[in-house]
């Protein structure tokens, strides 16, 4: 079953002793949950976790094309590339892996792209003399949390999102640094447990769960 932002939001209100949302209404708290979600995304990317890995659809690359960038071929959730593969445009041939270079290089274009590099937030090519199709394996970004109905794409993330969001709300809305510090401690534990679960799952191993605790 899909998890929405409503689930951690309910916990946020309980942690802040505001079950009806009179002091911390959803509209004011959602931006803090979005910040917590982006923090989680960064930690997951640093750990190379597969929940953020994606493969693109076939991307047509016209002859002479020198780059793919924002608004010109890259997926909308694209963060950075991992691998690129190419084949003849419109064919059913197997994709061939391209080689990543530190720089595009200075060589005569051929009928294949052959090489790529990631620079200036763009995938750079030296160009090919024939139309090609490219498939990109890449790290993607998590969709924004814009309201309580927004989907949470990371399973088991509720505890971290709730405690970290509550901490931010307590600090910046409630001017309560003591509660914020206590909640940050629990958020750190929840994040550690979550990353441990995701890493172990990636490795196909079991994990010994830590007992959760909550400070008041």
Foldseek 3Di string as FASTA:
>chain_A
DFAFLLLLVCLLCVLVVRNPCPQNNFQNLQVLLQVLQVVLLVVCVVVVFCLQKDKDDKFKDAFPDFKAAVPRTDDPQFDDFDWKWKDAPPDPDDTHTAAEDPDQDDDDAEQDQRYWYQDPRIIGTPGHRGMMIMMTIGGGHDDGRDGRGHTDSQPQCSQLSNLSSSLVCCVPRVVNNVSSVQSVVLNVVSSVQSVVCSVCVVVVHDDDHDDHDHDD
